[in-house]
Amino acid sequence: MENENFNLKARDDRFFRAAADVLQRYKILRRKEMVDGFVVFDIIGGTQNYVVKIHPEWLTAPQCSCPDAAKRAKENTRGYCKHIIGVLLYDEEFRYQLLEAFL
């Protein structure tokens, strides 16, 4: 495996923000229809609404439309922003994918 930048503090901070913000203050809505092979979740209630996409067979990393996923989280935590972590904590079907954030 290639050497990646992975910041444990950044990961842990995102887990705390996911629990405090995303799970408690935001609404997470799972769309009924898949899009391009992904299960799609709408995250509503923050400064902006975002979209999180999760591949049900774990063939690709989860994706989020927020700026953090594209920049800081991408650089520090393999793209796992608080919205992705919140969705993975929220949806029991995908909770196992949180392992990727710890490996």
Protein backbone atom coordinates (compact mmCIF):
# COMPACT_ATOMS: atom_id res chain seq x y z
CA MET A 1 0.00 0.00 0.00
CA GLU A 2 1.33 3.41 -0.87
CA ASN A 3 2.29 5.74 1.92
CA GLU A 4 -0.61 8.13 2.48
CA ASN A 5 -0.89 11.22 4.60
CA PHE A 6 -3.26 10.30 7.36
CA ASN A 7 -3.81 12.61 10.27
CA LEU A 8 -5.30 10.83 13.28
CA LYS A 9 -6.31 14.08 14.99
CA ALA A 10 -8.10 15.25 11.83
CA ARG A 11 -9.90 11.90 11.62
CA ASP A 12 -10.93 12.01 15.26
CA ASP A 13 -12.08 15.64 14.97
CA ARG A 14 -14.30 14.66 12.04
CA PHE A 15 -15.80 11.78 14.03
CA PHE A 16 -16.69 14.14 16.87
CA ARG A 17 -18.16 16.69 14.46
CA ALA A 18 -20.12 13.93 12.72
CA ALA A 19 -21.62 12.85 16.04
CA ALA A 20 -22.27 16.38 17.31
CA ASP A 21 -23.38 18.08 14.10
CA VAL A 22 -24.47 15.64 11.43
CA LEU A 23 -26.28 13.10 13.59
CA GLN A 24 -27.88 15.57 15.97
CA ARG A 25 -28.61 18.69 13.94
CA TYR A 26 -28.80 17.63 10.29
CA LYS A 27 -31.41 15.59 8.51
CA ILE A 28 -30.05 12.59 6.60
CA LEU A 29 -32.33 11.39 3.83
CA ARG A 30 -31.61 8.22 1.89
CA ARG A 31 -32.85 8.40 -1.68
CA LYS A 32 -35.00 5.52 -2.89
CA GLU A 33 -33.25 5.23 -6.26
CA MET A 34 -29.56 4.47 -6.73
CA VAL A 35 -27.49 6.79 -8.94
CA ASP A 36 -24.72 5.28 -11.08
CA GLY A 37 -24.45 2.29 -8.73
CA PHE A 38 -24.31 4.42 -5.56
CA VAL A 39 -26.75 4.76 -2.70
CA VAL A 40 -27.27 8.50 -2.31
CA PHE A 41 -27.95 10.47 0.87
CA ASP A 42 -28.99 14.10 1.10
CA ILE A 43 -27.56 15.98 4.09
CA ILE A 44 -29.83 18.88 4.98
CA GLY A 45 -29.56 21.48 7.73
CA GLY A 46 -26.03 22.83 7.66
CA THR A 47 -24.81 26.02 6.03
CA GLN A 48 -25.39 24.21 2.71
CA ASN A 49 -26.99 20.95 1.71
CA TYR A 50 -24.64 18.20 0.56
CA VAL A 51 -24.86 14.85 -1.17
CA VAL A 52 -23.06 11.73 0.05
CA LYS A 53 -22.68 8.71 -2.23
CA ILE A 54 -21.86 5.26 -0.87
CA HIS A 55 -21.08 2.25 -3.04
CA PRO A 56 -22.99 -0.72 -1.56
CA GLU A 57 -20.26 -3.20 -2.52
CA TRP A 58 -17.45 -0.94 -1.29
CA LEU A 59 -15.91 -0.84 -4.78
CA THR A 60 -14.96 2.80 -4.38
CA ALA A 61 -14.53 5.20 -1.51
CA PRO A 62 -17.54 7.19 -0.28
CA GLN A 63 -17.98 10.62 -1.84
CA CYS A 64 -19.34 13.91 -0.54
CA SER A 65 -20.07 17.14 -2.37
CA CYS A 66 -18.77 19.33 0.49
CA PRO A 67 -15.56 21.38 0.11
CA ASP A 68 -13.88 19.56 3.03
CA ALA A 69 -14.13 16.19 1.26
CA ALA A 70 -12.44 17.68 -1.80
CA LYS A 71 -9.66 19.48 0.07
CA ARG A 72 -8.70 19.01 3.74
CA ALA A 73 -10.34 15.63 4.31
CA LYS A 74 -8.86 14.38 1.03
CA GLU A 75 -5.40 15.44 2.18
CA ASN A 76 -5.71 14.23 5.80
CA THR A 77 -8.29 11.45 6.11
CA ARG A 78 -8.70 9.77 2.71
CA GLY A 79 -11.68 12.01 1.97
CA TYR A 80 -13.74 11.03 5.01
CA CYS A 81 -15.45 14.31 5.90
CA LYS A 82 -17.93 14.67 8.77
CA HIS A 83 -20.86 14.15 6.37
CA ILE A 84 -19.55 10.80 5.11
CA ILE A 85 -18.76 9.69 8.65
CA GLY A 86 -22.21 10.83 9.80
CA VAL A 87 -23.94 8.83 7.05
CA LEU A 88 -21.87 5.74 7.82
CA LEU A 89 -22.72 6.03 11.53
CA TYR A 90 -26.38 6.67 10.71
CA ASP A 91 -27.01 3.87 8.21
CA GLU A 92 -26.49 0.41 9.68
CA GLU A 93 -26.09 -1.15 6.22
CA PHE A 94 -22.91 0.83 5.59
CA ARG A 95 -21.47 1.13 9.09
CA TYR A 96 -18.78 -1.47 8.34
CA GLN A 97 -17.26 0.94 5.82
CA LEU A 98 -16.06 3.05 8.76
CA LEU A 99 -13.26 0.52 9.08
CA GLU A 100 -11.56 2.19 6.13
CA ALA A 101 -11.15 5.37 8.20
CA PHE A 102 -9.23 3.37 10.82
CA LEU A 103 -6.93 1.32 8.58
